[in-house]
């Protein structure tokens, strides 16, 4: 019989994860950088598959996006719905975040719907042209 205590998440680890996801939503680049530098996973995901990078991008925090990518966060990692940070940034109209993600290697055609399709859906012709050139 399996030890049920071994299957229970550590409350301190859960508290740290909540702190990091909150920092990503708030754009606390310094805190995120410090924890990832200390060993926290750059691609930590929540119960919906959203990474720290996805949350920082979706909430419009370019500095946090850059800090996470510099520390190894995967710019094209999709959440459980197939959405990428770049598609989220396009949806939100976060130009500086889009620039940071593209500079970090994000692929406009990754994910479902991808960033290119998202730009088309919302009539963002400038982004469509930019993504088609890549």
Protein backbone atom coordinates (compact mmCIF):
# COMPACT_ATOMS: atom_id res chain seq x y z
CA UNK A 1 0.00 0.00 0.00
CA UNK A 2 1.37 3.42 -0.97
CA UNK A 3 2.26 5.94 1.70
CA UNK A 4 -0.45 8.63 1.49
CA UNK A 5 1.86 11.21 3.11
CA UNK A 6 4.25 10.85 0.17
CA UNK A 7 1.43 11.75 -2.21
CA UNK A 8 0.44 14.96 -0.41
CA UNK A 9 2.05 18.15 -1.73
CA UNK A 10 4.39 19.90 0.66
CA UNK A 11 2.58 23.03 2.00
CA UNK A 12 5.80 25.07 1.81
CA UNK A 13 6.32 24.12 -1.84
CA UNK A 14 2.71 25.02 -2.63
CA UNK A 15 3.10 28.37 -0.87
CA UNK A 16 6.23 29.09 -2.89
CA UNK A 17 4.47 28.19 -6.14
CA UNK A 18 1.59 30.54 -5.29
CA UNK A 19 4.12 33.28 -4.51
CA UNK A 20 5.85 32.78 -7.87
CA UNK A 21 2.61 32.71 -9.88
CA UNK A 22 1.49 35.89 -8.09
CA UNK A 23 4.87 37.49 -8.87
CA UNK A 24 4.47 36.60 -12.55
CA UNK A 25 0.98 38.14 -12.66
CA UNK A 26 2.29 41.25 -10.90
CA UNK A 27 5.42 41.51 -13.07
CA UNK A 28 7.92 41.22 -10.20
CA UNK A 29 10.91 40.48 -12.43
CA UNK A 30 13.44 40.77 -9.61
CA UNK A 31 11.67 38.23 -7.41
CA UNK A 32 11.17 35.81 -10.30
CA UNK A 33 14.81 36.13 -11.35
CA UNK A 34 16.03 35.55 -7.79
CA UNK A 35 13.96 32.39 -7.31
CA UNK A 36 14.79 30.94 -10.73
CA UNK A 37 18.47 31.72 -10.14
CA UNK A 38 18.16 29.87 -6.83
CA UNK A 39 16.74 26.78 -8.51
CA UNK A 40 13.01 27.27 -9.07
CA UNK A 41 11.99 25.91 -12.49
CA UNK A 42 11.82 28.62 -15.15
CA UNK A 43 8.92 26.70 -16.73
CA UNK A 44 6.94 26.11 -13.54
CA UNK A 45 3.30 25.48 -14.49
CA UNK A 46 0.03 25.82 -12.64
CA UNK A 47 -2.97 23.48 -12.74
CA UNK A 48 -3.99 24.85 -16.18
CA UNK A 49 -0.55 24.44 -17.70
CA UNK A 50 0.16 28.18 -17.58
CA UNK A 51 3.85 28.88 -17.07
CA UNK A 52 5.29 31.83 -15.20
CA UNK A 53 6.13 33.25 -18.63
CA UNK A 54 2.53 32.85 -19.83
CA UNK A 55 1.20 34.71 -16.80
CA UNK A 56 3.79 37.50 -17.07
CA UNK A 57 3.08 37.88 -20.80
CA UNK A 58 -0.69 37.80 -20.46
CA UNK A 59 -0.59 40.46 -17.75
CA UNK A 60 1.66 42.74 -19.83
CA UNK A 61 4.98 42.55 -17.98
CA UNK A 62 7.78 42.72 -20.55
CA UNK A 63 10.59 43.00 -17.98
CA UNK A 64 9.43 39.80 -16.26
CA UNK A 65 9.11 38.11 -19.67
CA UNK A 66 12.70 39.04 -20.52
CA UNK A 67 13.98 37.90 -17.11
CA UNK A 68 12.30 34.50 -17.44
CA UNK A 69 13.45 33.92 -21.03
CA UNK A 70 17.02 34.88 -20.06
CA UNK A 71 16.80 32.14 -17.41
CA UNK A 72 15.63 29.42 -19.76
CA UNK A 73 11.84 29.74 -19.88
CA UNK A 74 10.52 28.23 -23.11
CA UNK A 75 8.82 31.04 -25.09
CA UNK A 76 6.63 28.64 -27.10
CA UNK A 77 5.46 26.39 -24.26
CA UNK A 78 1.70 26.10 -24.64
CA UNK A 79 -0.76 25.76 -21.78
CA UNK A 80 -3.35 22.98 -21.56
CA UNK A 81 -5.56 24.83 -24.06
CA UNK A 82 -2.77 25.06 -26.64
CA UNK A 83 -2.20 28.79 -26.11
CA UNK A 84 1.30 30.27 -26.12
CA UNK A 85 2.56 33.39 -24.36
CA UNK A 86 2.85 35.17 -27.71
CA UNK A 87 -0.76 34.46 -28.66
CA UNK A 88 -1.82 35.74 -25.22
CA UNK A 89 0.19 38.92 -25.68
CA UNK A 90 -1.37 39.46 -29.11
CA UNK A 91 -4.85 38.97 -27.63
CA UNK A 92 -4.08 41.51 -24.89
CA UNK A 93 -2.42 43.98 -27.29
CA UNK A 94 0.80 44.06 -25.26
CA UNK A 95 3.30 45.44 -27.77
CA UNK A 96 6.35 45.51 -25.52
CA UNK A 97 5.67 41.93 -24.42
CA UNK A 98 5.30 40.85 -28.05
CA UNK A 99 8.69 42.45 -28.79
CA UNK A 100 10.30 40.70 -25.79
CA UNK A 101 8.87 37.31 -26.76
CA UNK A 102 9.95 37.64 -30.39
CA UNK A 103 13.43 38.72 -29.28
CA UNK A 104 13.48 35.63 -27.05
CA UNK A 105 12.75 33.32 -29.97
CA UNK A 106 8.96 32.91 -29.81
CA UNK A 107 7.44 31.40 -32.95
CA UNK A 108 4.29 33.22 -34.18
CA UNK A 109 3.04 29.93 -35.63
CA UNK A 110 3.32 27.87 -32.42
CA UNK A 111 0.19 26.91 -30.49
CA UNK A 112 -3.52 26.74 -31.25
CA UNK A 113 -4.67 29.27 -32.13
CA UNK A 114 -1.23 30.60 -32.85
CA UNK A 115 -0.20 34.25 -32.60
CA UNK A 116 -0.55 34.79 -36.35
CA UNK A 117 -4.10 33.42 -36.35
CA UNK A 118 -4.91 35.47 -33.24
CA UNK A 119 -3.66 38.64 -34.95
CA UNK A 120 -5.82 37.82 -37.97
CA UNK A 121 -8.90 37.15 -35.79
CA UNK A 122 -8.60 40.55 -34.13
CA UNK A 123 -7.71 42.52 -37.27
CA UNK A 124 -4.20 43.40 -36.11
CA UNK A 125 -2.84 43.80 -39.62
CA UNK A 126 0.48 45.27 -38.48
CA UNK A 127 1.18 42.12 -36.45
CA UNK A 128 -0.02 39.83 -39.25
CA UNK A 129 2.50 41.48 -41.60
CA UNK A 130 5.25 41.30 -38.96
CA UNK A 131 4.62 37.62 -38.20
CA UNK A 132 4.36 36.66 -41.87
CA UNK A 133 7.85 38.12 -42.44
CA UNK A 134 9.37 35.77 -39.86
